[in-house]
Amino acid sequence: IKKGKVKGWNCHKRNICLLCIPQGKVVFFFKKKLNSKKFFKVKVEDKENKLIQIFPRTWFAFFSKTKISLISNFMNKLHDNKETLKSPIQNIKNFRKFYK
């Protein structure tokens, strides 16, 4: 991911994602409902050795705080585009205050 580029909102119907950051710093946002204004934020960087587990039916988006960040996604099932929901709305304005 390049710095400041927002990826998401995505939601997996059945898959569980296990994410780790081998390089860079990434900010993740999670919601139970896409139209909800409430979200949970997590910052992860390569030095922390953290894993993030995302359960099915959880909407998430993320962006990099460094020039380049890498995200490894380990899923419990093979990836299937039909299984993934993607929002046509990528409301970047909501993330502007987190870029600093």
Protein backbone atom coordinates (compact mmCIF):
# COMPACT_ATOMS: atom_id res chain seq x y z
CA ILE A 1 0.00 0.00 0.00
CA LYS A 2 1.28 3.48 -0.79
CA LYS A 3 1.10 6.20 1.86
CA GLY A 4 -2.34 7.79 2.29
CA LYS A 5 -4.10 5.38 -0.12
CA VAL A 6 -7.30 4.10 1.53
CA LYS A 7 -8.21 0.48 0.79
CA GLY A 8 -11.68 -0.78 1.60
CA TRP A 9 -14.41 -0.95 2.73
CA ASN A 10 -14.41 -4.76 2.37
CA CYS A 11 -16.38 -7.48 4.12
CA HIS A 12 -16.00 -11.26 3.89
CA LYS A 13 -19.16 -13.33 4.15
CA ARG A 14 -17.50 -16.53 5.43
CA ASN A 15 -13.72 -16.09 5.54
CA ILE A 16 -11.69 -15.20 8.59
CA CYS A 17 -8.66 -13.03 7.82
CA LEU A 18 -5.44 -13.04 9.82
CA LEU A 19 -3.43 -9.94 8.95
CA CYS A 20 0.13 -9.03 9.81
CA ILE A 21 2.36 -6.12 8.82
CA PRO A 22 5.88 -7.28 7.85
CA GLN A 23 6.84 -3.76 6.71
CA GLY A 24 5.55 -0.28 7.53
CA LYS A 25 2.75 1.19 9.64
CA VAL A 26 -0.95 0.65 8.87
CA VAL A 27 -4.12 2.01 10.42
CA PHE A 28 -7.15 -0.31 10.28
CA PHE A 29 -10.81 0.63 10.75
CA PHE A 30 -13.56 -1.87 11.58
CA LYS A 31 -17.37 -1.60 11.53
CA LYS A 32 -20.20 -4.06 12.03
CA LYS A 33 -22.48 -2.12 9.66
CA LEU A 34 -21.19 -0.16 6.69
CA ASN A 35 -23.54 2.79 7.22
CA SER A 36 -22.67 3.06 10.93
CA LYS A 37 -20.71 6.11 12.08
CA LYS A 38 -19.14 4.07 14.88
CA PHE A 39 -15.89 2.28 14.14
CA PHE A 40 -12.94 0.72 15.92
CA LYS A 41 -9.41 1.84 14.99
CA VAL A 42 -6.16 -0.14 15.34
CA LYS A 43 -2.64 1.03 14.46
CA VAL A 44 -0.12 -1.70 13.64
CA GLU A 45 3.53 -1.48 12.69
CA ASP A 46 6.14 -3.99 11.65
CA LYS A 47 8.08 -3.79 14.94
CA GLU A 48 5.10 -4.97 17.02
CA ASN A 49 4.69 -8.51 15.63
CA LYS A 50 0.91 -8.35 15.99
CA LEU A 51 -1.75 -10.38 14.21
CA ILE A 52 -5.20 -8.96 13.56
CA GLN A 53 -8.06 -11.44 13.26
CA ILE A 54 -11.07 -10.22 11.28
CA PHE A 55 -14.21 -12.29 11.64
CA PRO A 56 -16.79 -12.75 8.87
CA ARG A 57 -19.33 -9.97 8.34
CA THR A 58 -16.96 -7.29 9.65
CA TRP A 59 -16.39 -4.31 7.37
CA PHE A 60 -12.82 -3.03 7.30
CA ALA A 61 -10.67 -0.42 5.61
CA PHE A 62 -7.04 0.57 6.04
CA PHE A 63 -4.28 2.94 4.95
CA SER A 64 -0.51 3.22 5.22
CA LYS A 65 1.21 5.81 7.39
CA THR A 66 4.62 5.11 5.82
CA LYS A 67 5.81 5.51 2.23
CA ILE A 68 5.13 1.82 1.58
CA SER A 69 3.56 -0.84 3.81
CA LEU A 70 3.09 -4.55 3.23
CA ILE A 71 0.10 -6.51 4.53
CA SER A 72 0.03 -10.30 4.65
CA ASN A 73 -3.47 -11.77 4.68
CA PHE A 74 -3.84 -15.39 5.79
CA MET A 75 -7.39 -16.66 5.22
CA ASN A 76 -9.02 -19.82 6.51
CA LYS A 77 -10.43 -20.63 3.03
CA LEU A 78 -9.37 -19.95 -0.55
CA HIS A 79 -10.13 -16.45 -1.73
CA ASP A 80 -13.32 -16.16 -3.77
CA ASN A 81 -14.45 -12.82 -5.23
CA LYS A 82 -18.09 -13.89 -4.82
CA GLU A 83 -17.48 -14.26 -1.09
CA THR A 84 -16.16 -10.71 -0.66
CA LEU A 85 -18.41 -7.66 -0.42
CA LYS A 86 -16.88 -4.36 -1.53
CA SER A 87 -18.40 -0.99 -0.86
CA PRO A 88 -18.72 1.43 -3.77
CA ILE A 89 -18.34 4.19 -1.19
CA GLN A 90 -14.76 5.00 -0.29
CA ASN A 91 -15.33 7.98 1.94
CA ILE A 92 -11.81 9.33 2.29
CA LYS A 93 -12.97 12.47 4.11
CA ASN A 94 -13.62 10.36 7.23
CA PHE A 95 -9.96 9.31 7.29
CA ARG A 96 -8.26 12.70 6.73
CA LYS A 97 -7.83 13.39 10.45
CA PHE A 98 -5.94 10.08 10.90
CA TYR A 99 -3.30 10.77 8.20
CA LYS A 100 -1.07 12.81 10.50
